[in-house]
Amino acid sequence: MSDPVTTPEPAKQQKIDTSVPHSARIWNYWLGGKDNYPVDEAAGDAYTEVFPGIVTIARSSRAFLRRNIAYLVSEAGIRQFLDVGTGLPTAQNTHEVAQGLAPEARIVYVDNDPMVLAHARALLYSTDEGATAYIDANVTDPEHILEVAAETLDFGRPTALILSNILGHVADCDQARSIVTRLMEALPSGSYLSINDGSRGIDPVFEQAQDAYNNSGAVPYNLRSIDEITAFFDGLELVEPGVVSVTEWRPEPGSGVPEVIAEHGGLARKP
């Protein structure tokens, strides 16, 4: 492995607020990580008391992303990834999965959480043949994301855009669709879009727990209907089986009949 391509400067790192729970740190807690604080553990525990299934959702979401990346590299031939809203480093991050299959893969991570920035070195550990970079930016600023990502990625070549559990942080659905559209406009034919997000209409207990979380003062996350999630892929060619519960998207052979959970996603190709 080589040194990082782009290392965030310490002077640019924002102060980490440990007094308010943060979704990336709570998600890390549910995944069994250690990059969280007591306030995040308390919020995560309060959530699981109402809806224990959130741990399954968190881990199934990660497994869905891993299977997406494996498909993109092994079957679609993709070697460039733009992972927006990456969250805190955990096991089998995008670059680890992609470069494990294709060492020449290039990955750009994007997040605006100061704690993710503080741990960005773990996301920048690249093979010699490939490259990784980290951008401190908000999903609501696609122009900036594209400008800086172009320093590492060649947008003349097919690229996979990954939006995993990030669009729910954009309250307005039209704005979220506009962000997806703008990012995909910059990518050439043969590129792919991977999205997964929490969904409404499947589990009322999940919706109750999420509504309570959103009213707690933490940064809200908005669940969307399956139709709303599917609409993000308008104009693209969905890879089978389409937009489904993440557990149903090309499950590992021998894993049994997947449980339908309130987290839906899909993968689609730009024609």
C-alpha atoms as a PDB file:
ATOM      1  CA  MET A   1       0.000   0.000   0.000  1.00  0.00           C
ATOM      2  CA  SER A   2       1.161   3.539  -0.743  1.00  0.00           C
ATOM      3  CA  ASP A   3       0.796   6.842   1.053  1.00  0.00           C
ATOM      4  CA  PRO A   4      -2.456   8.781   0.683  1.00  0.00           C
ATOM      5  CA  VAL A   5      -2.961  10.794  -2.470  1.00  0.00           C
ATOM      6  CA  THR A   6      -4.647  13.670  -0.688  1.00  0.00           C
ATOM      7  CA  THR A   7      -4.274  14.158   3.040  1.00  0.00           C
ATOM      8  CA  PRO A   8      -6.581  16.734   4.676  1.00  0.00           C
ATOM      9  CA  GLU A   9      -4.674  19.494   6.418  1.00  0.00           C
ATOM     10  CA  PRO A  10      -5.126  19.482  10.217  1.00  0.00           C
ATOM     11  CA  ALA A  11      -5.612  23.238  10.225  1.00  0.00           C
ATOM     12  CA  LYS A  12      -8.737  22.824   8.145  1.00  0.00           C
ATOM     13  CA  GLN A  13     -10.352  20.331  10.484  1.00  0.00           C
ATOM     14  CA  GLN A  14     -13.486  21.561  12.222  1.00  0.00           C
ATOM     15  CA  LYS A  15     -14.154  21.202  15.922  1.00  0.00           C
ATOM     16  CA  ILE A  16     -15.915  17.961  16.781  1.00  0.00           C
ATOM     17  CA  ASP A  17     -19.096  18.629  18.770  1.00  0.00           C
ATOM     18  CA  THR A  18     -19.442  15.826  21.319  1.00  0.00           C
ATOM     19  CA  SER A  19     -22.500  17.327  23.004  1.00  0.00           C
ATOM     20  CA  VAL A  20     -24.958  16.445  20.219  1.00  0.00           C
ATOM     21  CA  PRO A  21     -25.423  12.972  18.704  1.00  0.00           C
ATOM     22  CA  HIS A  22     -24.326  12.690  15.105  1.00  0.00           C
ATOM     23  CA  SER A  23     -25.721  10.201  12.588  1.00  0.00           C
ATOM     24  CA  ALA A  24     -22.307   9.083  11.251  1.00  0.00           C
ATOM     25  CA  ARG A  25     -21.084   8.294  14.751  1.00  0.00           C
ATOM     26  CA  ILE A  26     -24.332   6.555  15.728  1.00  0.00           C
ATOM     27  CA  TRP A  27     -24.146   4.494  12.536  1.00  0.00           C
ATOM     28  CA  ASN A  28     -20.574   3.599  13.461  1.00  0.00           C
ATOM     29  CA  TYR A  29     -21.803   2.503  16.894  1.00  0.00           C
ATOM     30  CA  TRP A  30     -24.485   0.256  15.365  1.00  0.00           C
ATOM     31  CA  LEU A  31     -21.845  -1.269  13.075  1.00  0.00           C
ATOM     32  CA  GLY A  32     -19.755  -2.165  16.111  1.00  0.00           C
ATOM     33  CA  GLY A  33     -17.172   0.586  15.620  1.00  0.00           C
ATOM     34  CA  LYS A  34     -15.376   2.595  18.282  1.00  0.00           C
ATOM     35  CA  ASP A  35     -15.394   6.049  16.674  1.00  0.00           C
ATOM     36  CA  ASN A  36     -18.259   7.500  18.694  1.00  0.00           C
ATOM     37  CA  TYR A  37     -18.975   9.261  21.979  1.00  0.00           C
ATOM     38  CA  PRO A  38     -21.264   8.590  24.968  1.00  0.00           C
ATOM     39  CA  VAL A  39     -23.882  10.954  23.529  1.00  0.00           C
ATOM     40  CA  ASP A  40     -23.948   8.866  20.336  1.00  0.00           C
ATOM     41  CA  GLU A  41     -24.154   5.595  22.259  1.00  0.00           C
ATOM     42  CA  ALA A  42     -27.043   6.978  24.324  1.00  0.00           C
ATOM     43  CA  ALA A  43     -28.904   8.070  21.195  1.00  0.00           C
ATOM     44  CA  GLY A  44     -28.179   4.750  19.499  1.00  0.00           C
ATOM     45  CA  ASP A  45     -29.373   2.781  22.533  1.00  0.00           C
ATOM     46  CA  ALA A  46     -32.541   4.881  22.800  1.00  0.00           C
ATOM     47  CA  TYR A  47     -33.220   4.158  19.128  1.00  0.00           C
ATOM     48  CA  THR A  48     -32.672   0.411  19.463  1.00  0.00           C
ATOM     49  CA  GLU A  49     -34.981   0.273  22.486  1.00  0.00           C
ATOM     50  CA  VAL A  50     -37.785   1.360  20.175  1.00  0.00           C
ATOM     51  CA  PHE A  51     -36.542  -0.433  17.060  1.00  0.00           C
ATOM     52  CA  PRO A  52     -33.862  -3.121  17.557  1.00  0.00           C
ATOM     53  CA  GLY A  53     -33.937  -3.844  13.835  1.00  0.00           C
ATOM     54  CA  ILE A  54     -31.863  -0.723  13.100  1.00  0.00           C
ATOM     55  CA  VAL A  55     -28.692  -2.747  13.687  1.00  0.00           C
ATOM     56  CA  THR A  56     -29.774  -5.189  10.964  1.00  0.00           C
ATOM     57  CA  ILE A  57     -30.510  -2.252   8.662  1.00  0.00           C
ATOM     58  CA  ALA A  58     -27.082  -0.708   9.279  1.00  0.00           C
ATOM     59  CA  ARG A  59     -25.214  -3.934   8.638  1.00  0.00           C
ATOM     60  CA  SER A  60     -27.377  -4.946   5.668  1.00  0.00           C
ATOM     61  CA  SER A  61     -26.789  -1.527   4.119  1.00  0.00           C
ATOM     62  CA  ARG A  62     -23.041  -2.042   4.369  1.00  0.00           C
ATOM     63  CA  ALA A  63     -23.294  -5.517   2.861  1.00  0.00           C
ATOM     64  CA  PHE A  64     -25.401  -4.128  -0.021  1.00  0.00           C
ATOM     65  CA  LEU A  65     -22.712  -1.561  -0.781  1.00  0.00           C
ATOM     66  CA  ARG A  66     -20.029  -4.243  -0.733  1.00  0.00           C
ATOM     67  CA  ARG A  67     -21.986  -6.375  -3.235  1.00  0.00           C
ATOM     68  CA  ASN A  68     -22.586  -3.313  -5.426  1.00  0.00           C
ATOM     69  CA  ILE A  69     -18.884  -2.546  -5.603  1.00  0.00           C
ATOM     70  CA  ALA A  70     -17.997  -6.166  -6.349  1.00  0.00           C
ATOM     71  CA  TYR A  71     -20.498  -6.165  -9.235  1.00  0.00           C
ATOM     72  CA  LEU A  72     -19.212  -2.830 -10.542  1.00  0.00           C
ATOM     73  CA  VAL A  73     -15.609  -3.984 -10.592  1.00  0.00           C
ATOM     74  CA  SER A  74     -15.993  -7.616 -11.625  1.00  0.00           C
ATOM     75  CA  GLU A  75     -18.969  -7.463 -13.984  1.00  0.00           C
ATOM     76  CA  ALA A  76     -19.244  -3.843 -15.152  1.00  0.00           C
ATOM     77  CA  GLY A  77     -15.509  -3.133 -15.392  1.00  0.00           C
ATOM     78  CA  ILE A  78     -15.691   0.097 -13.376  1.00  0.00           C
ATOM     79  CA  ARG A  79     -12.391   1.414 -12.028  1.00  0.00           C
ATOM     80  CA  GLN A  80     -13.434   4.844 -10.676  1.00  0.00           C
ATOM     81  CA  PHE A  81     -15.670   5.566  -7.694  1.00  0.00           C
ATOM     82  CA  LEU A  82     -17.094   8.791  -6.265  1.00  0.00           C
ATOM     83  CA  ASP A  83     -18.413   7.916  -2.786  1.00  0.00           C
ATOM     84  CA  VAL A  84     -20.410  10.860  -1.430  1.00  0.00           C
ATOM     85  CA  GLY A  85     -21.375  10.756   2.238  1.00  0.00           C
ATOM     86  CA  THR A  86     -18.981   7.950   3.015  1.00  0.00           C
ATOM     87  CA  GLY A  87     -19.294   8.140   6.802  1.00  0.00           C
ATOM     88  CA  LEU A  88     -16.712   6.927   9.272  1.00  0.00           C
ATOM     89  CA  PRO A  89     -14.206   4.288   8.146  1.00  0.00           C
ATOM     90  CA  THR A  90     -15.261   0.721   8.961  1.00  0.00           C
ATOM     91  CA  ALA A  91     -14.342  -2.706   7.651  1.00  0.00           C
ATOM     92  CA  GLN A  92     -14.409  -3.178   3.874  1.00  0.00           C
ATOM     93  CA  ASN A  93     -14.563   0.443   2.803  1.00  0.00           C
ATOM     94  CA  THR A  94     -15.125   1.226  -0.874  1.00  0.00           C
ATOM     95  CA  HIS A  95     -11.419   1.392  -1.743  1.00  0.00           C
ATOM     96  CA  GLU A  96     -10.667  -1.850   0.102  1.00  0.00           C
ATOM     97  CA  VAL A  97     -13.310  -3.790  -1.797  1.00  0.00           C
ATOM     98  CA  ALA A  98     -12.609  -2.155  -5.182  1.00  0.00           C
ATOM     99  CA  GLN A  99      -8.808  -2.287  -5.001  1.00  0.00           C
ATOM    100  CA  GLY A 100      -8.931  -5.805  -3.607  1.00  0.00           C
ATOM    101  CA  LEU A 101     -10.465  -6.822  -6.933  1.00  0.00           C
ATOM    102  CA  ALA A 102      -8.753  -4.258  -9.170  1.00  0.00           C
ATOM    103  CA  PRO A 103      -5.642  -2.659  -7.632  1.00  0.00           C
ATOM    104  CA  GLU A 104      -5.713   0.144 -10.205  1.00  0.00           C
ATOM    105  CA  ALA A 105      -9.100   1.432  -8.989  1.00  0.00           C
ATOM    106  CA  ARG A 106      -9.332   5.120  -8.050  1.00  0.00           C
ATOM    107  CA  ILE A 107     -11.669   6.317  -5.304  1.00  0.00           C
ATOM    108  CA  VAL A 108     -12.709   9.754  -4.078  1.00  0.00           C
ATOM    109  CA  TYR A 109     -14.539   9.987  -0.761  1.00  0.00           C
ATOM    110  CA  VAL A 110     -16.710  12.960   0.166  1.00  0.00           C
ATOM    111  CA  ASP A 111     -18.064  13.904   3.590  1.00  0.00           C
ATOM    112  CA  ASN A 112     -18.435  17.014   5.728  1.00  0.00           C
ATOM    113  CA  ASP A 113     -18.351  15.472   9.195  1.00  0.00           C
ATOM    114  CA  PRO A 114     -15.271  16.727  11.093  1.00  0.00           C
ATOM    115  CA  MET A 115     -14.868  13.325  12.716  1.00  0.00           C
ATOM    116  CA  VAL A 116     -14.770  11.618   9.318  1.00  0.00           C
ATOM    117  CA  LEU A 117     -12.171  14.188   8.279  1.00  0.00           C
ATOM    118  CA  ALA A 118     -10.129  13.384  11.391  1.00  0.00           C
ATOM    119  CA  HIS A 119     -10.107   9.701  10.396  1.00  0.00           C
ATOM    120  CA  ALA A 120      -9.609  10.313   6.681  1.00  0.00           C
ATOM    121  CA  ARG A 121      -6.165   8.708   6.643  1.00  0.00           C
ATOM    122  CA  ALA A 122      -7.879   5.333   7.008  1.00  0.00           C
ATOM    123  CA  LEU A 123      -9.778   6.100   3.799  1.00  0.00           C
ATOM    124  CA  LEU A 124      -6.654   7.141   1.919  1.00  0.00           C
ATOM    125  CA  TYR A 125      -4.598   3.988   2.234  1.00  0.00           C
ATOM    126  CA  SER A 126      -4.266   3.059  -1.433  1.00  0.00           C
ATOM    127  CA  THR A 127      -2.547   0.477  -3.563  1.00  0.00           C
ATOM    128  CA  ASP A 128       0.464   1.687  -5.550  1.00  0.00           C
ATOM    129  CA  GLU A 129      -1.457   1.115  -8.791  1.00  0.00           C
ATOM    130  CA  GLY A 130      -4.577   3.022  -7.707  1.00  0.00           C
ATOM    131  CA  ALA A 131      -5.416   6.218  -5.858  1.00  0.00           C
ATOM    132  CA  THR A 132      -7.670   7.520  -3.109  1.00  0.00           C
ATOM    133  CA  ALA A 133      -8.595  11.052  -2.075  1.00  0.00           C
ATOM    134  CA  TYR A 134     -10.888  12.722   0.444  1.00  0.00           C
ATOM    135  CA  ILE A 135     -12.953  15.880  -0.077  1.00  0.00           C
ATOM    136  CA  ASP A 136     -14.392  17.818   2.850  1.00  0.00           C
ATOM    137  CA  ALA A 137     -17.650  18.939   1.252  1.00  0.00           C
ATOM    138  CA  ASN A 138     -21.423  18.825   1.612  1.00  0.00           C
ATOM    139  CA  VAL A 139     -23.627  16.753  -0.682  1.00  0.00           C
ATOM    140  CA  THR A 140     -25.622  19.932  -1.329  1.00  0.00           C
ATOM    141  CA  ASP A 141     -22.620  21.439  -3.169  1.00  0.00           C
ATOM    142  CA  PRO A 142     -22.245  19.152  -6.197  1.00  0.00           C
ATOM    143  CA  GLU A 143     -20.263  21.724  -8.211  1.00  0.00           C
ATOM    144  CA  HIS A 144     -17.492  21.828  -5.622  1.00  0.00           C
ATOM    145  CA  ILE A 145     -17.493  18.044  -5.312  1.00  0.00           C
ATOM    146  CA  LEU A 146     -17.094  17.602  -9.059  1.00  0.00           C
ATOM    147  CA  GLU A 147     -14.400  20.266  -9.354  1.00  0.00           C
ATOM    148  CA  VAL A 148     -12.167  18.748  -6.680  1.00  0.00           C
ATOM    149  CA  ALA A 149     -12.914  15.104  -7.572  1.00  0.00           C
ATOM    150  CA  ALA A 150     -11.700  15.795 -11.114  1.00  0.00           C
ATOM    151  CA  GLU A 151      -8.180  16.157  -9.680  1.00  0.00           C
ATOM    152  CA  THR A 152      -8.187  12.394  -8.974  1.00  0.00           C
ATOM    153  CA  LEU A 153     -10.841  10.955 -11.298  1.00  0.00           C
ATOM    154  CA  ASP A 154     -11.012  11.170 -15.082  1.00  0.00           C
ATOM    155  CA  PHE A 155     -14.619  12.074 -15.830  1.00  0.00           C
ATOM    156  CA  GLY A 156     -14.067  11.061 -19.433  1.00  0.00           C
ATOM    157  CA  ARG A 157     -14.106   7.444 -18.193  1.00  0.00           C
ATOM    158  CA  PRO A 158     -17.073   5.559 -16.674  1.00  0.00           C
ATOM    159  CA  THR A 159     -17.380   6.235 -12.961  1.00  0.00           C
ATOM    160  CA  ALA A 160     -19.632   4.865 -10.223  1.00  0.00           C
ATOM    161  CA  LEU A 161     -21.403   7.443  -8.067  1.00  0.00           C
ATOM    162  CA  ILE A 162     -22.222   6.048  -4.624  1.00  0.00           C
ATOM    163  CA  LEU A 163     -24.855   7.722  -2.436  1.00  0.00           C
ATOM    164  CA  SER A 164     -25.304   5.385   0.516  1.00  0.00           C
ATOM    165  CA  ASN A 165     -27.646   6.620   3.249  1.00  0.00           C
ATOM    166  CA  ILE A 166     -26.889  10.248   2.444  1.00  0.00           C
ATOM    167  CA  LEU A 167     -29.874  11.546   0.451  1.00  0.00           C
ATOM    168  CA  GLY A 168     -32.110  11.182   3.517  1.00  0.00           C
ATOM    169  CA  HIS A 169     -30.179  14.101   5.000  1.00  0.00           C
ATOM    170  CA  VAL A 170     -31.537  16.316   2.209  1.00  0.00           C
ATOM    171  CA  ALA A 171     -35.004  17.173   3.469  1.00  0.00           C
ATOM    172  CA  ASP A 172     -36.474  18.356   0.179  1.00  0.00           C
ATOM    173  CA  CYS A 173     -36.953  15.467  -2.259  1.00  0.00           C
ATOM    174  CA  ASP A 174     -36.785  17.749  -5.314  1.00  0.00           C
ATOM    175  CA  GLN A 175     -33.452  19.127  -4.113  1.00  0.00           C
ATOM    176  CA  ALA A 176     -32.161  15.587  -3.562  1.00  0.00           C
ATOM    177  CA  ARG A 177     -33.180  14.626  -7.121  1.00  0.00           C
ATOM    178  CA  SER A 178     -31.484  17.769  -8.437  1.00  0.00           C
ATOM    179  CA  ILE A 179     -28.228  16.821  -6.687  1.00  0.00           C
ATOM    180  CA  VAL A 180     -28.307  13.318  -8.157  1.00  0.00           C
ATOM    181  CA  THR A 181     -29.050  14.709 -11.624  1.00  0.00           C
ATOM    182  CA  ARG A 182     -26.197  17.224 -11.483  1.00  0.00           C
ATOM    183  CA  LEU A 183     -23.645  14.677 -10.318  1.00  0.00           C
ATOM    184  CA  MET A 184     -24.694  12.135 -12.954  1.00  0.00           C
ATOM    185  CA  GLU A 185     -24.646  14.790 -15.705  1.00  0.00           C
ATOM    186  CA  ALA A 186     -20.891  15.098 -15.186  1.00  0.00           C
ATOM    187  CA  LEU A 187     -20.322  11.375 -15.725  1.00  0.00           C
ATOM    188  CA  PRO A 188     -20.094   9.771 -19.172  1.00  0.00           C
ATOM    189  CA  SER A 189     -22.156   7.000 -20.707  1.00  0.00           C
ATOM    190  CA  GLY A 190     -21.389   3.674 -19.051  1.00  0.00           C
ATOM    191  CA  SER A 191     -21.226   5.221 -15.584  1.00  0.00           C
ATOM    192  CA  TYR A 192     -23.310   3.867 -12.719  1.00  0.00           C
ATOM    193  CA  LEU A 193     -25.410   5.210  -9.855  1.00  0.00           C
ATOM    194  CA  SER A 194     -25.691   3.303  -6.559  1.00  0.00           C
ATOM    195  CA  ILE A 195     -28.224   4.515  -3.992  1.00  0.00           C
ATOM    196  CA  ASN A 196     -29.620   3.056  -0.806  1.00  0.00           C
ATOM    197  CA  ASP A 197     -31.680   4.806   1.864  1.00  0.00           C
ATOM    198  CA  GLY A 198     -34.122   4.135   4.651  1.00  0.00           C
ATOM    199  CA  SER A 199     -37.645   3.577   3.342  1.00  0.00           C
ATOM    200  CA  ARG A 200     -41.170   4.309   4.500  1.00  0.00           C
ATOM    201  CA  GLY A 201     -44.132   1.988   4.086  1.00  0.00           C
ATOM    202  CA  ILE A 202     -42.413  -1.173   5.326  1.00  0.00           C
ATOM    203  CA  ASP A 203     -42.056  -0.990   9.104  1.00  0.00           C
ATOM    204  CA  PRO A 204     -44.126   1.466  11.182  1.00  0.00           C
ATOM    205  CA  VAL A 205     -41.954   0.867  14.269  1.00  0.00           C
ATOM    206  CA  PHE A 206     -38.898   1.987  12.298  1.00  0.00           C
ATOM    207  CA  GLU A 207     -40.752   5.101  11.196  1.00  0.00           C
ATOM    208  CA  GLN A 208     -41.761   5.850  14.780  1.00  0.00           C
ATOM    209  CA  ALA A 209     -38.159   5.493  15.974  1.00  0.00           C
ATOM    210  CA  GLN A 210     -36.833   7.679  13.165  1.00  0.00           C
ATOM    211  CA  ASP A 211     -39.415  10.400  13.766  1.00  0.00           C
ATOM    212  CA  ALA A 212     -38.463  10.444  17.454  1.00  0.00           C
ATOM    213  CA  TYR A 213     -34.779  10.681  16.534  1.00  0.00           C
ATOM    214  CA  ASN A 214     -35.459  13.571  14.153  1.00  0.00           C
ATOM    215  CA  ASN A 215     -37.275  15.428  16.938  1.00  0.00           C
ATOM    216  CA  SER A 216     -34.420  14.906  19.429  1.00  0.00           C
ATOM    217  CA  GLY A 217     -32.267  17.762  18.184  1.00  0.00           C
ATOM    218  CA  ALA A 218     -29.913  15.511  16.206  1.00  0.00           C
ATOM    219  CA  VAL A 219     -29.302  16.108  12.504  1.00  0.00           C
ATOM    220  CA  PRO A 220     -32.491  14.691  10.935  1.00  0.00           C
ATOM    221  CA  TYR A 221     -32.630  11.853   8.440  1.00  0.00           C
ATOM    222  CA  ASN A 222     -35.728  11.616   6.250  1.00  0.00           C
ATOM    223  CA  LEU A 223     -37.146   8.241   5.256  1.00  0.00           C
ATOM    224  CA  ARG A 224     -38.591   8.100   1.742  1.00  0.00           C
ATOM    225  CA  SER A 225     -41.106   5.926  -0.032  1.00  0.00           C
ATOM    226  CA  ILE A 226     -39.881   3.207  -2.371  1.00  0.00           C
ATOM    227  CA  ASP A 227     -41.307   5.202  -5.293  1.00  0.00           C
ATOM    228  CA  GLU A 228     -39.308   8.265  -4.232  1.00  0.00           C
ATOM    229  CA  ILE A 229     -36.109   6.221  -3.999  1.00  0.00           C
ATOM    230  CA  THR A 230     -36.820   4.633  -7.387  1.00  0.00           C
ATOM    231  CA  ALA A 231     -37.313   8.084  -8.950  1.00  0.00           C
ATOM    232  CA  PHE A 232     -33.660   8.924  -8.275  1.00  0.00           C
ATOM    233  CA  PHE A 233     -32.822   6.452 -11.050  1.00  0.00           C
ATOM    234  CA  ASP A 234     -35.043   8.095 -13.706  1.00  0.00           C
ATOM    235  CA  GLY A 235     -33.392   8.025 -17.128  1.00  0.00           C
ATOM    236  CA  LEU A 236     -30.976   5.258 -16.139  1.00  0.00           C
ATOM    237  CA  GLU A 237     -30.977   1.513 -16.808  1.00  0.00           C
ATOM    238  CA  LEU A 238     -31.585  -0.386 -13.592  1.00  0.00           C
ATOM    239  CA  VAL A 239     -29.496  -3.485 -12.996  1.00  0.00           C
ATOM    240  CA  GLU A 240     -31.603  -6.493 -12.028  1.00  0.00           C
ATOM    241  CA  PRO A 241     -33.395  -6.928  -9.663  1.00  0.00           C
ATOM    242  CA  GLY A 242     -34.078  -3.156  -9.666  1.00  0.00           C
ATOM    243  CA  VAL A 243     -34.894  -1.151  -6.543  1.00  0.00           C
ATOM    244  CA  VAL A 244     -35.509  -3.642  -3.747  1.00  0.00           C
ATOM    245  CA  SER A 245     -34.879  -4.157  -0.064  1.00  0.00           C
ATOM    246  CA  VAL A 246     -31.073  -4.110   0.208  1.00  0.00           C
ATOM    247  CA  THR A 247     -31.133  -7.683   1.493  1.00  0.00           C
ATOM    248  CA  GLU A 248     -32.762  -8.781  -1.784  1.00  0.00           C
ATOM    249  CA  TRP A 249     -30.183  -7.166  -4.069  1.00  0.00           C
ATOM    250  CA  ARG A 250     -28.118 -10.061  -5.430  1.00  0.00           C
ATOM    251  CA  PRO A 251     -27.689 -11.844  -2.078  1.00  0.00           C
ATOM    252  CA  GLU A 252     -24.714 -14.116  -1.573  1.00  0.00           C
ATOM    253  CA  PRO A 253     -25.344 -17.699  -2.769  1.00  0.00           C
ATOM    254  CA  GLY A 254     -26.464 -19.946   0.054  1.00  0.00           C
ATOM    255  CA  SER A 255     -27.512 -17.047   2.289  1.00  0.00           C
ATOM    256  CA  GLY A 256     -31.120 -18.232   2.416  1.00  0.00           C
ATOM    257  CA  VAL A 257     -34.320 -16.311   1.796  1.00  0.00           C
ATOM    258  CA  PRO A 258     -33.580 -12.647   2.546  1.00  0.00           C
ATOM    259  CA  GLU A 259     -35.652 -10.738   5.087  1.00  0.00           C
ATOM    260  CA  VAL A 260     -37.345  -7.649   3.637  1.00  0.00           C
ATOM    261  CA  ILE A 261     -36.214  -4.614   5.639  1.00  0.00           C
ATOM    262  CA  ALA A 262     -36.978  -0.892   5.472  1.00  0.00           C
ATOM    263  CA  GLU A 263     -33.848  -0.007   3.535  1.00  0.00           C
ATOM    264  CA  HIS A 264     -34.148   0.047  -0.241  1.00  0.00           C
ATOM    265  CA  GLY A 265     -31.624   0.556  -2.968  1.00  0.00           C
ATOM    266  CA  GLY A 266     -30.497  -0.226  -6.441  1.00  0.00           C
ATOM    267  CA  LEU A 267     -27.820   0.177  -9.066  1.00  0.00           C
ATOM    268  CA  ALA A 268     -28.305   1.673 -12.510  1.00  0.00           C
ATOM    269  CA  ARG A 269     -26.247   2.368 -15.637  1.00  0.00           C
ATOM    270  CA  LYS A 270     -26.169   5.619 -17.539  1.00  0.00           C
ATOM    271  CA  PRO A 271     -26.940   4.841 -21.207  1.00  0.00           C
END
